[in-house]
Amino acid sequence: MVYSCSWPVYQIYAKIVPNFKAIIDTCNLWRNFDDIQDSWASLESIIDYYGDNQDAIVPNAGPGHFNDPDMLIVGNFGLSYEQSKTQFALWAILAAPLLMSVDLRTIRPEYKAILQNKKIIAVDQDPLGIQGRRIYKHRGIEIWARPITPVVQGYFSYAIAFLNRRTDGTPSDIAVTLRELGLINIAGYQVEDLYEDVSYGVLLPSTKIRVKVNPSGVVILRANAHADHRTTFRYGQFSTPTTLRPTDNLLTFQSFVPQSTARLPITQPTRIPSLSTTRTHYNPFLPIQL
């Protein structure tokens, strides 16, 4: 049983600042924005709201208390197949409640498969309960990232969603290194495409990844931190990442700092002039060692 609250959104409509401490103490989930409608425009407005207001929204989420961007409309009438994949992936990045709004008697198999994707559900239900953020936005391309388990030798693992909101009818290619995404574990990351169910092995921070993203579609990757067996750390307490700023640049989450290395360098926000959104034709995911 969960306790869902709607009154925070009505306070926001009335220009009243919600008491989020009381909300967190009382509610398991709560609404912040408009009711979702069965349309891509409605879904985009919610994505924009959560990205534009993330500095106020994200700190309130945690295990047992979550922001609710509203129901999944996957399998209804208003979203294409690609747009349905986008909603499910972004809801997982947002640590959102996965509440379906669809007639299960008539849902088509391809939409049912989206809702039953266990690997994306696992991202959504990650025990850290940290809500993800939009870390890049430029010319219709967005990148969203969420710190998840396992945490290995002081480094978060991550779920990363590449979103293409362009409407020119052609897939866009995005190229970026793991380091530019804030993934700085020198031992690398085991990277997997969660929709294609393909593993790309252990990639280093210097590895450039390239993804092809369909219009209004998404590619969602999981990057599990890999262990460096030459190093041993003691672990302190987790805290919500605090180093993100407004997303005109590509930014990074603050690395979890082990107690024994309090002065461990932490990566700073980095611009990514190498981000490529040209529409050439090559493999959807092509790691390149720089």
C-alpha atoms as a PDB file:
ATOM      1  CA  MET A   1       0.000   0.000   0.000  1.00  0.00           C
ATOM      2  CA  VAL A   2       1.249   3.486  -0.874  1.00  0.00           C
ATOM      3  CA  TYR A   3      -0.064   6.943  -0.011  1.00  0.00           C
ATOM      4  CA  SER A   4      -0.356   9.199  -3.055  1.00  0.00           C
ATOM      5  CA  CYS A   5      -0.827  12.948  -2.569  1.00  0.00           C
ATOM      6  CA  SER A   6      -2.200  15.459  -5.065  1.00  0.00           C
ATOM      7  CA  TRP A   7      -2.296  18.554  -2.876  1.00  0.00           C
ATOM      8  CA  PRO A   8       1.291  19.687  -3.646  1.00  0.00           C
ATOM      9  CA  VAL A   9       0.363  20.419  -7.271  1.00  0.00           C
ATOM     10  CA  TYR A  10      -2.675  22.443  -6.206  1.00  0.00           C
ATOM     11  CA  GLN A  11      -0.467  24.496  -3.908  1.00  0.00           C
ATOM     12  CA  ILE A  12       1.890  25.098  -6.824  1.00  0.00           C
ATOM     13  CA  TYR A  13      -1.066  26.220  -8.980  1.00  0.00           C
ATOM     14  CA  ALA A  14      -2.064  28.636  -6.172  1.00  0.00           C
ATOM     15  CA  LYS A  15       1.488  30.052  -5.993  1.00  0.00           C
ATOM     16  CA  ILE A  16       1.981  28.515  -2.544  1.00  0.00           C
ATOM     17  CA  VAL A  17       5.394  27.007  -1.872  1.00  0.00           C
ATOM     18  CA  PRO A  18       4.739  23.419  -0.732  1.00  0.00           C
ATOM     19  CA  ASN A  19       6.169  22.251   2.576  1.00  0.00           C
ATOM     20  CA  PHE A  20       8.167  19.383   1.140  1.00  0.00           C
ATOM     21  CA  LYS A  21       9.393  18.241   4.542  1.00  0.00           C
ATOM     22  CA  ALA A  22       5.787  17.586   5.537  1.00  0.00           C
ATOM     23  CA  ILE A  23       5.091  16.032   2.146  1.00  0.00           C
ATOM     24  CA  ILE A  24       8.053  13.674   2.477  1.00  0.00           C
ATOM     25  CA  ASP A  25       7.004  12.746   6.011  1.00  0.00           C
ATOM     26  CA  THR A  26       3.410  12.074   4.921  1.00  0.00           C
ATOM     27  CA  CYS A  27       3.378  10.854   1.330  1.00  0.00           C
ATOM     28  CA  ASN A  28       4.987   8.024  -0.607  1.00  0.00           C
ATOM     29  CA  LEU A  29       4.451   9.861  -3.890  1.00  0.00           C
ATOM     30  CA  TRP A  30       3.089  13.225  -4.948  1.00  0.00           C
ATOM     31  CA  ARG A  31       2.220  15.215  -8.042  1.00  0.00           C
ATOM     32  CA  ASN A  32       4.030  18.409  -9.052  1.00  0.00           C
ATOM     33  CA  PHE A  33       2.547  19.249 -12.444  1.00  0.00           C
ATOM     34  CA  ASP A  34      -0.386  18.887 -14.836  1.00  0.00           C
ATOM     35  CA  ASP A  35      -2.372  15.712 -15.430  1.00  0.00           C
ATOM     36  CA  ILE A  36      -0.941  13.756 -18.314  1.00  0.00           C
ATOM     37  CA  GLN A  37      -3.069  13.539 -21.459  1.00  0.00           C
ATOM     38  CA  ASP A  38      -2.864  10.884 -24.167  1.00  0.00           C
ATOM     39  CA  SER A  39      -0.547  12.904 -26.396  1.00  0.00           C
ATOM     40  CA  TRP A  40       3.135  13.506 -27.145  1.00  0.00           C
ATOM     41  CA  ALA A  41       2.660  17.237 -26.473  1.00  0.00           C
ATOM     42  CA  SER A  42       1.475  16.480 -22.942  1.00  0.00           C
ATOM     43  CA  LEU A  43       4.376  14.113 -22.332  1.00  0.00           C
ATOM     44  CA  GLU A  44       6.859  16.699 -23.622  1.00  0.00           C
ATOM     45  CA  SER A  45       5.450  19.339 -21.272  1.00  0.00           C
ATOM     46  CA  ILE A  46       6.037  17.027 -18.306  1.00  0.00           C
ATOM     47  CA  ILE A  47       9.574  16.219 -19.441  1.00  0.00           C
ATOM     48  CA  ASP A  48      10.256  19.957 -19.770  1.00  0.00           C
ATOM     49  CA  TYR A  49       8.822  20.720 -16.338  1.00  0.00           C
ATOM     50  CA  TYR A  50      10.944  18.093 -14.616  1.00  0.00           C
ATOM     51  CA  GLY A  51      14.063  19.200 -16.464  1.00  0.00           C
ATOM     52  CA  ASP A  52      13.540  22.944 -16.037  1.00  0.00           C
ATOM     53  CA  ASN A  53      12.695  22.651 -12.326  1.00  0.00           C
ATOM     54  CA  GLN A  54      14.987  19.785 -11.354  1.00  0.00           C
ATOM     55  CA  ASP A  55      17.004  21.756  -8.803  1.00  0.00           C
ATOM     56  CA  ALA A  56      13.838  22.206  -6.726  1.00  0.00           C
ATOM     57  CA  ILE A  57      12.307  18.795  -7.462  1.00  0.00           C
ATOM     58  CA  VAL A  58      15.127  16.256  -7.314  1.00  0.00           C
ATOM     59  CA  PRO A  59      16.287  16.807  -3.693  1.00  0.00           C
ATOM     60  CA  ASN A  60      12.835  15.812  -2.403  1.00  0.00           C
ATOM     61  CA  ALA A  61      12.980  12.304  -3.863  1.00  0.00           C
ATOM     62  CA  GLY A  62      14.442   9.332  -2.038  1.00  0.00           C
ATOM     63  CA  PRO A  63      13.653   5.803  -0.879  1.00  0.00           C
ATOM     64  CA  GLY A  64       9.986   5.633   0.082  1.00  0.00           C
ATOM     65  CA  HIS A  65       9.109   9.150  -1.155  1.00  0.00           C
ATOM     66  CA  PHE A  66       9.053  10.015  -4.841  1.00  0.00           C
ATOM     67  CA  ASN A  67       7.972  12.715  -7.272  1.00  0.00           C
ATOM     68  CA  ASP A  68       5.139  11.471  -9.504  1.00  0.00           C
ATOM     69  CA  PRO A  69       5.116  12.797 -13.095  1.00  0.00           C
ATOM     70  CA  ASP A  70       1.778  10.971 -13.574  1.00  0.00           C
ATOM     71  CA  MET A  71       0.690   7.745 -15.213  1.00  0.00           C
ATOM     72  CA  LEU A  72       2.230   5.798 -18.053  1.00  0.00           C
ATOM     73  CA  ILE A  73       0.197   6.136 -21.242  1.00  0.00           C
ATOM     74  CA  VAL A  74       2.141   3.421 -23.075  1.00  0.00           C
ATOM     75  CA  GLY A  75      -0.208   1.256 -25.127  1.00  0.00           C
ATOM     76  CA  ASN A  76      -3.006   3.788 -25.499  1.00  0.00           C
ATOM     77  CA  PHE A  77      -3.655   5.877 -28.629  1.00  0.00           C
ATOM     78  CA  GLY A  78      -1.632   9.085 -28.436  1.00  0.00           C
ATOM     79  CA  LEU A  79       1.988   7.900 -28.498  1.00  0.00           C
ATOM     80  CA  SER A  80       3.945   6.213 -31.253  1.00  0.00           C
ATOM     81  CA  TYR A  81       6.088   3.189 -30.480  1.00  0.00           C
ATOM     82  CA  GLU A  82       9.232   5.349 -30.178  1.00  0.00           C
ATOM     83  CA  GLN A  83       7.468   7.880 -27.968  1.00  0.00           C
ATOM     84  CA  SER A  84       6.212   5.083 -25.729  1.00  0.00           C
ATOM     85  CA  LYS A  85       9.773   3.834 -25.268  1.00  0.00           C
ATOM     86  CA  THR A  86      10.765   7.388 -24.415  1.00  0.00           C
ATOM     87  CA  GLN A  87       8.193   7.724 -21.655  1.00  0.00           C
ATOM     88  CA  PHE A  88       9.102   4.413 -20.044  1.00  0.00           C
ATOM     89  CA  ALA A  89      12.836   5.160 -20.136  1.00  0.00           C
ATOM     90  CA  LEU A  90      12.484   8.715 -18.819  1.00  0.00           C
ATOM     91  CA  TRP A  91      10.156   7.594 -16.013  1.00  0.00           C
ATOM     92  CA  ALA A  92      12.862   5.138 -14.936  1.00  0.00           C
ATOM     93  CA  ILE A  93      15.476   7.912 -14.948  1.00  0.00           C
ATOM     94  CA  LEU A  94      13.110  10.042 -12.838  1.00  0.00           C
ATOM     95  CA  ALA A  95      12.594   7.233 -10.289  1.00  0.00           C
ATOM     96  CA  ALA A  96       8.892   7.668 -11.014  1.00  0.00           C
ATOM     97  CA  PRO A  97       6.059   5.394  -9.880  1.00  0.00           C
ATOM     98  CA  LEU A  98       5.194   3.098 -12.789  1.00  0.00           C
ATOM     99  CA  LEU A  99       1.399   3.299 -12.801  1.00  0.00           C
ATOM    100  CA  MET A 100      -0.113   2.013 -16.042  1.00  0.00           C
ATOM    101  CA  SER A 101      -3.143   3.584 -17.702  1.00  0.00           C
ATOM    102  CA  VAL A 102      -4.024   1.120 -20.440  1.00  0.00           C
ATOM    103  CA  ASP A 103      -6.540  -1.617 -21.170  1.00  0.00           C
ATOM    104  CA  LEU A 104      -4.501  -4.786 -20.614  1.00  0.00           C
ATOM    105  CA  ARG A 105      -7.093  -6.820 -22.514  1.00  0.00           C
ATOM    106  CA  THR A 106      -6.274  -5.113 -25.794  1.00  0.00           C
ATOM    107  CA  ILE A 107      -2.704  -3.816 -25.473  1.00  0.00           C
ATOM    108  CA  ARG A 108      -0.553  -4.703 -28.481  1.00  0.00           C
ATOM    109  CA  PRO A 109       2.443  -7.008 -27.940  1.00  0.00           C
ATOM    110  CA  GLU A 110       5.118  -4.407 -28.749  1.00  0.00           C
ATOM    111  CA  TYR A 111       3.755  -2.011 -26.115  1.00  0.00           C
ATOM    112  CA  LYS A 112       3.347  -4.813 -23.611  1.00  0.00           C
ATOM    113  CA  ALA A 113       7.033  -5.640 -24.147  1.00  0.00           C
ATOM    114  CA  ILE A 114       7.986  -2.060 -23.254  1.00  0.00           C
ATOM    115  CA  LEU A 115       6.067  -2.245 -19.979  1.00  0.00           C
ATOM    116  CA  GLN A 116       7.596  -5.635 -19.151  1.00  0.00           C
ATOM    117  CA  ASN A 117      11.225  -4.613 -19.725  1.00  0.00           C
ATOM    118  CA  LYS A 118      12.748  -5.941 -16.513  1.00  0.00           C
ATOM    119  CA  LYS A 119      16.070  -4.156 -16.934  1.00  0.00           C
ATOM    120  CA  ILE A 120      14.443  -0.750 -17.200  1.00  0.00           C
ATOM    121  CA  ILE A 121      12.118  -1.573 -14.310  1.00  0.00           C
ATOM    122  CA  ALA A 122      15.234  -2.433 -12.277  1.00  0.00           C
ATOM    123  CA  VAL A 123      16.627   1.040 -13.000  1.00  0.00           C
ATOM    124  CA  ASP A 124      13.351   2.611 -11.884  1.00  0.00           C
ATOM    125  CA  GLN A 125      13.362   0.581  -8.653  1.00  0.00           C
ATOM    126  CA  ASP A 126      17.050   1.095  -7.842  1.00  0.00           C
ATOM    127  CA  PRO A 127      17.451   0.971  -4.036  1.00  0.00           C
ATOM    128  CA  LEU A 128      19.396   4.239  -3.802  1.00  0.00           C
ATOM    129  CA  GLY A 129      16.208   6.051  -4.813  1.00  0.00           C
ATOM    130  CA  ILE A 130      18.142   8.969  -6.337  1.00  0.00           C
ATOM    131  CA  GLN A 131      16.141  10.790  -9.003  1.00  0.00           C
ATOM    132  CA  GLY A 132      17.975  11.451 -12.257  1.00  0.00           C
ATOM    133  CA  ARG A 133      18.602  14.775 -13.936  1.00  0.00           C
ATOM    134  CA  ARG A 134      18.811  16.311 -17.371  1.00  0.00           C
ATOM    135  CA  ILE A 135      22.536  16.904 -17.858  1.00  0.00           C
ATOM    136  CA  TYR A 136      22.559  18.169 -21.454  1.00  0.00           C
ATOM    137  CA  LYS A 137      20.126  20.050 -23.692  1.00  0.00           C
ATOM    138  CA  HIS A 138      20.948  21.549 -27.081  1.00  0.00           C
ATOM    139  CA  ARG A 139      19.084  21.784 -30.388  1.00  0.00           C
ATOM    140  CA  GLY A 140      16.551  19.087 -29.632  1.00  0.00           C
ATOM    141  CA  ILE A 141      19.025  16.627 -28.125  1.00  0.00           C
ATOM    142  CA  GLU A 142      18.863  15.853 -24.406  1.00  0.00           C
ATOM    143  CA  ILE A 143      20.876  13.554 -22.158  1.00  0.00           C
ATOM    144  CA  TRP A 144      19.478  12.420 -18.819  1.00  0.00           C
ATOM    145  CA  ALA A 145      21.443  10.494 -16.187  1.00  0.00           C
ATOM    146  CA  ARG A 146      20.698   8.795 -12.898  1.00  0.00           C
ATOM    147  CA  PRO A 147      23.174   7.432 -10.305  1.00  0.00           C
ATOM    148  CA  ILE A 148      22.336   3.824  -9.426  1.00  0.00           C
ATOM    149  CA  THR A 149      23.809   0.741  -7.807  1.00  0.00           C
ATOM    150  CA  PRO A 150      26.221  -0.912  -7.714  1.00  0.00           C
ATOM    151  CA  VAL A 151      28.532   1.643  -6.121  1.00  0.00           C
ATOM    152  CA  VAL A 152      32.034   0.267  -6.618  1.00  0.00           C
ATOM    153  CA  GLN A 153      35.065   1.688  -4.805  1.00  0.00           C
ATOM    154  CA  GLY A 154      33.412   5.055  -4.445  1.00  0.00           C
ATOM    155  CA  TYR A 155      31.891   5.347  -7.925  1.00  0.00           C
ATOM    156  CA  PHE A 156      28.218   5.295  -8.805  1.00  0.00           C
ATOM    157  CA  SER A 157      26.925   3.223 -11.670  1.00  0.00           C
ATOM    158  CA  TYR A 158      24.619   5.146 -14.017  1.00  0.00           C
ATOM    159  CA  ALA A 159      21.556   4.859 -16.203  1.00  0.00           C
ATOM    160  CA  ILE A 160      21.861   7.240 -19.160  1.00  0.00           C
ATOM    161  CA  ALA A 161      19.078   8.197 -21.572  1.00  0.00           C
ATOM    162  CA  PHE A 162      19.761   9.915 -24.902  1.00  0.00           C
ATOM    163  CA  LEU A 163      16.586  11.678 -26.077  1.00  0.00           C
ATOM    164  CA  ASN A 164      15.991  13.028 -29.595  1.00  0.00           C
ATOM    165  CA  ARG A 165      13.222  15.641 -29.671  1.00  0.00           C
ATOM    166  CA  ARG A 166      13.892  16.745 -33.231  1.00  0.00           C
ATOM    167  CA  THR A 167      11.098  16.505 -35.779  1.00  0.00           C
ATOM    168  CA  ASP A 168      13.035  16.490 -39.050  1.00  0.00           C
ATOM    169  CA  GLY A 169      12.233  12.831 -39.670  1.00  0.00           C
ATOM    170  CA  THR A 170      15.760  11.423 -39.545  1.00  0.00           C
ATOM    171  CA  PRO A 171      17.557   9.623 -36.692  1.00  0.00           C
ATOM    172  CA  SER A 172      20.284  11.657 -34.999  1.00  0.00           C
ATOM    173  CA  ASP A 173      23.704  10.320 -34.053  1.00  0.00           C
ATOM    174  CA  ILE A 174      25.192  11.402 -30.730  1.00  0.00           C
ATOM    175  CA  ALA A 175      28.859  10.865 -29.889  1.00  0.00           C
ATOM    176  CA  VAL A 176      30.353  11.528 -26.461  1.00  0.00           C
ATOM    177  CA  THR A 177      32.992  10.002 -24.191  1.00  0.00           C
ATOM    178  CA  LEU A 178      32.081   8.407 -20.888  1.00  0.00           C
ATOM    179  CA  ARG A 179      34.252  11.001 -19.144  1.00  0.00           C
ATOM    180  CA  GLU A 180      32.215  13.813 -20.673  1.00  0.00           C
ATOM    181  CA  LEU A 181      29.147  12.184 -19.148  1.00  0.00           C
ATOM    182  CA  GLY A 182      30.805  12.286 -15.722  1.00  0.00           C
ATOM    183  CA  LEU A 183      31.800   8.603 -15.670  1.00  0.00           C
ATOM    184  CA  ILE A 184      35.381   8.827 -14.383  1.00  0.00           C
ATOM    185  CA  ASN A 185      36.049   5.433 -12.784  1.00  0.00           C
ATOM    186  CA  ILE A 186      39.491   4.515 -14.156  1.00  0.00           C
ATOM    187  CA  ALA A 187      38.571   0.814 -14.093  1.00  0.00           C
ATOM    188  CA  GLY A 188      35.740   1.487 -16.526  1.00  0.00           C
ATOM    189  CA  TYR A 189      32.075   0.558 -16.805  1.00  0.00           C
ATOM    190  CA  GLN A 190      30.163  -2.464 -18.060  1.00  0.00           C
ATOM    191  CA  VAL A 191      27.826  -0.852 -20.607  1.00  0.00           C
ATOM    192  CA  GLU A 192      24.539  -2.318 -21.812  1.00  0.00           C
ATOM    193  CA  ASP A 193      21.709  -1.102 -24.056  1.00  0.00           C
ATOM    194  CA  LEU A 194      18.519  -1.797 -22.092  1.00  0.00           C
ATOM    195  CA  TYR A 195      16.088  -1.815 -25.018  1.00  0.00           C
ATOM    196  CA  GLU A 196      18.275  -3.709 -27.465  1.00  0.00           C
ATOM    197  CA  ASP A 197      19.495  -6.066 -24.697  1.00  0.00           C
ATOM    198  CA  VAL A 198      23.067  -5.839 -25.977  1.00  0.00           C
ATOM    199  CA  SER A 199      26.208  -5.690 -23.810  1.00  0.00           C
ATOM    200  CA  TYR A 200      29.236  -3.756 -25.049  1.00  0.00           C
ATOM    201  CA  GLY A 201      31.708  -4.953 -22.450  1.00  0.00           C
ATOM    202  CA  VAL A 202      33.845  -2.824 -20.140  1.00  0.00           C
ATOM    203  CA  LEU A 203      34.506   0.650 -21.558  1.00  0.00           C
ATOM    204  CA  LEU A 204      36.991   3.157 -20.147  1.00  0.00           C
ATOM    205  CA  PRO A 205      36.262   6.846 -19.435  1.00  0.00           C
ATOM    206  CA  SER A 206      38.172   7.782 -22.602  1.00  0.00           C
ATOM    207  CA  THR A 207      35.917   5.590 -24.750  1.00  0.00           C
ATOM    208  CA  LYS A 208      33.708   7.515 -27.149  1.00  0.00           C
ATOM    209  CA  ILE A 209      30.235   6.058 -27.512  1.00  0.00           C
ATOM    210  CA  ARG A 210      27.941   6.734 -30.448  1.00  0.00           C
ATOM    211  CA  VAL A 211      24.216   6.168 -30.365  1.00  0.00           C
ATOM    212  CA  LYS A 212      21.629   6.581 -33.111  1.00  0.00           C
ATOM    213  CA  VAL A 213      18.370   7.946 -31.713  1.00  0.00           C
ATOM    214  CA  ASN A 214      15.131   8.002 -33.684  1.00  0.00           C
ATOM    215  CA  PRO A 215      12.971  11.164 -33.776  1.00  0.00           C
ATOM    216  CA  SER A 216      11.011  11.492 -30.509  1.00  0.00           C
ATOM    217  CA  GLY A 217      12.840   8.331 -29.428  1.00  0.00           C
ATOM    218  CA  VAL A 218      15.364   7.309 -26.832  1.00  0.00           C
ATOM    219  CA  VAL A 219      18.386   5.100 -26.268  1.00  0.00           C
ATOM    220  CA  ILE A 220      18.859   4.063 -22.642  1.00  0.00           C
ATOM    221  CA  LEU A 221      22.129   2.578 -21.424  1.00  0.00           C
ATOM    222  CA  ARG A 222      23.195   1.112 -18.119  1.00  0.00           C
ATOM    223  CA  ALA A 223      26.832   1.621 -17.110  1.00  0.00           C
ATOM    224  CA  ASN A 224      27.831  -0.502 -14.119  1.00  0.00           C
ATOM    225  CA  ALA A 225      31.010   0.646 -12.407  1.00  0.00           C
ATOM    226  CA  HIS A 226      33.806  -1.902 -12.792  1.00  0.00           C
ATOM    227  CA  ALA A 227      36.126  -2.792  -9.908  1.00  0.00           C
ATOM    228  CA  ASP A 228      39.786  -1.817  -9.864  1.00  0.00           C
ATOM    229  CA  HIS A 229      41.241  -4.728  -7.916  1.00  0.00           C
ATOM    230  CA  ARG A 230      44.416  -2.777  -7.178  1.00  0.00           C
ATOM    231  CA  THR A 231      42.532  -0.371  -4.894  1.00  0.00           C
ATOM    232  CA  THR A 232      40.495  -0.843  -1.715  1.00  0.00           C
ATOM    233  CA  PHE A 233      38.353   1.865  -0.096  1.00  0.00           C
ATOM    234  CA  ARG A 234      36.196   2.151   3.004  1.00  0.00           C
ATOM    235  CA  TYR A 235      32.781   3.600   2.314  1.00  0.00           C
ATOM    236  CA  GLY A 236      30.997   6.485   3.974  1.00  0.00           C
ATOM    237  CA  GLN A 237      27.387   7.589   3.674  1.00  0.00           C
ATOM    238  CA  PHE A 238      25.596   8.257   0.421  1.00  0.00           C
ATOM    239  CA  SER A 239      24.210  11.703  -0.294  1.00  0.00           C
ATOM    240  CA  THR A 240      22.180  13.158  -3.123  1.00  0.00           C
ATOM    241  CA  PRO A 241      24.509  14.598  -5.794  1.00  0.00           C
ATOM    242  CA  THR A 242      24.777  18.362  -5.450  1.00  0.00           C
ATOM    243  CA  THR A 243      27.156  19.603  -8.140  1.00  0.00           C
ATOM    244  CA  LEU A 244      24.704  20.018 -11.023  1.00  0.00           C
ATOM    245  CA  ARG A 245      23.929  23.476 -12.369  1.00  0.00           C
ATOM    246  CA  PRO A 246      21.589  24.726 -15.136  1.00  0.00           C
ATOM    247  CA  THR A 247      22.055  22.552 -18.176  1.00  0.00           C
ATOM    248  CA  ASP A 248      23.409  24.769 -20.920  1.00  0.00           C
ATOM    249  CA  ASN A 249      26.552  22.610 -20.620  1.00  0.00           C
ATOM    250  CA  LEU A 250      27.075  18.915 -20.127  1.00  0.00           C
ATOM    251  CA  LEU A 251      27.427  18.419 -16.391  1.00  0.00           C
ATOM    252  CA  THR A 252      28.385  15.648 -14.020  1.00  0.00           C
ATOM    253  CA  PHE A 253      27.202  14.174 -10.762  1.00  0.00           C
ATOM    254  CA  GLN A 254      29.526  14.450  -7.775  1.00  0.00           C
ATOM    255  CA  SER A 255      31.355  11.202  -7.166  1.00  0.00           C
ATOM    256  CA  PHE A 256      30.735   9.453  -3.855  1.00  0.00           C
ATOM    257  CA  VAL A 257      33.866  10.097  -1.771  1.00  0.00           C
ATOM    258  CA  PRO A 258      35.278   7.273   0.384  1.00  0.00           C
ATOM    259  CA  GLN A 259      36.047   8.184   4.009  1.00  0.00           C
ATOM    260  CA  SER A 260      39.691   7.230   3.637  1.00  0.00           C
ATOM    261  CA  THR A 261      40.258   9.559   0.686  1.00  0.00           C
ATOM    262  CA  ALA A 262      38.433  12.752   1.626  1.00  0.00           C
ATOM    263  CA  ARG A 263      40.607  14.764  -0.766  1.00  0.00           C
ATOM    264  CA  LEU A 264      39.920  12.502  -3.725  1.00  0.00           C
ATOM    265  CA  PRO A 265      39.531  14.822  -6.760  1.00  0.00           C
ATOM    266  CA  ILE A 266      35.966  15.227  -7.984  1.00  0.00           C
ATOM    267  CA  THR A 267      35.294  15.888 -11.639  1.00  0.00           C
ATOM    268  CA  GLN A 268      33.901  19.307 -12.480  1.00  0.00           C
ATOM    269  CA  PRO A 269      31.244  20.239 -15.050  1.00  0.00           C
ATOM    270  CA  THR A 270      32.663  19.938 -18.548  1.00  0.00           C
ATOM    271  CA  ARG A 271      31.606  21.353 -21.900  1.00  0.00           C
ATOM    272  CA  ILE A 272      31.346  18.830 -24.708  1.00  0.00           C
ATOM    273  CA  PRO A 273      32.208  20.454 -28.011  1.00  0.00           C
ATOM    274  CA  SER A 274      32.814  16.949 -29.362  1.00  0.00           C
ATOM    275  CA  LEU A 275      29.125  16.015 -29.054  1.00  0.00           C
ATOM    276  CA  SER A 276      28.099  15.095 -32.575  1.00  0.00           C
ATOM    277  CA  THR A 277      24.500  15.195 -33.767  1.00  0.00           C
ATOM    278  CA  THR A 278      25.170  14.749 -37.459  1.00  0.00           C
ATOM    279  CA  ARG A 279      23.011  12.212 -39.223  1.00  0.00           C
ATOM    280  CA  THR A 280      25.533   9.890 -40.793  1.00  0.00           C
ATOM    281  CA  HIS A 281      25.031   6.159 -40.976  1.00  0.00           C
ATOM    282  CA  TYR A 282      27.014   3.787 -38.806  1.00  0.00           C
ATOM    283  CA  ASN A 283      26.379   1.266 -36.074  1.00  0.00           C
ATOM    284  CA  PRO A 284      23.871   2.434 -33.442  1.00  0.00           C
ATOM    285  CA  PHE A 285      26.572   2.015 -30.800  1.00  0.00           C
ATOM    286  CA  LEU A 286      30.218   2.092 -31.777  1.00  0.00           C
ATOM    287  CA  PRO A 287      32.816   2.401 -28.987  1.00  0.00           C
ATOM    288  CA  ILE A 288      36.005   4.071 -30.139  1.00  0.00           C
ATOM    289  CA  GLN A 289      39.188   4.213 -28.074  1.00  0.00           C
ATOM    290  CA  LEU A 290      40.562   7.755 -28.229  1.00  0.00           C
END
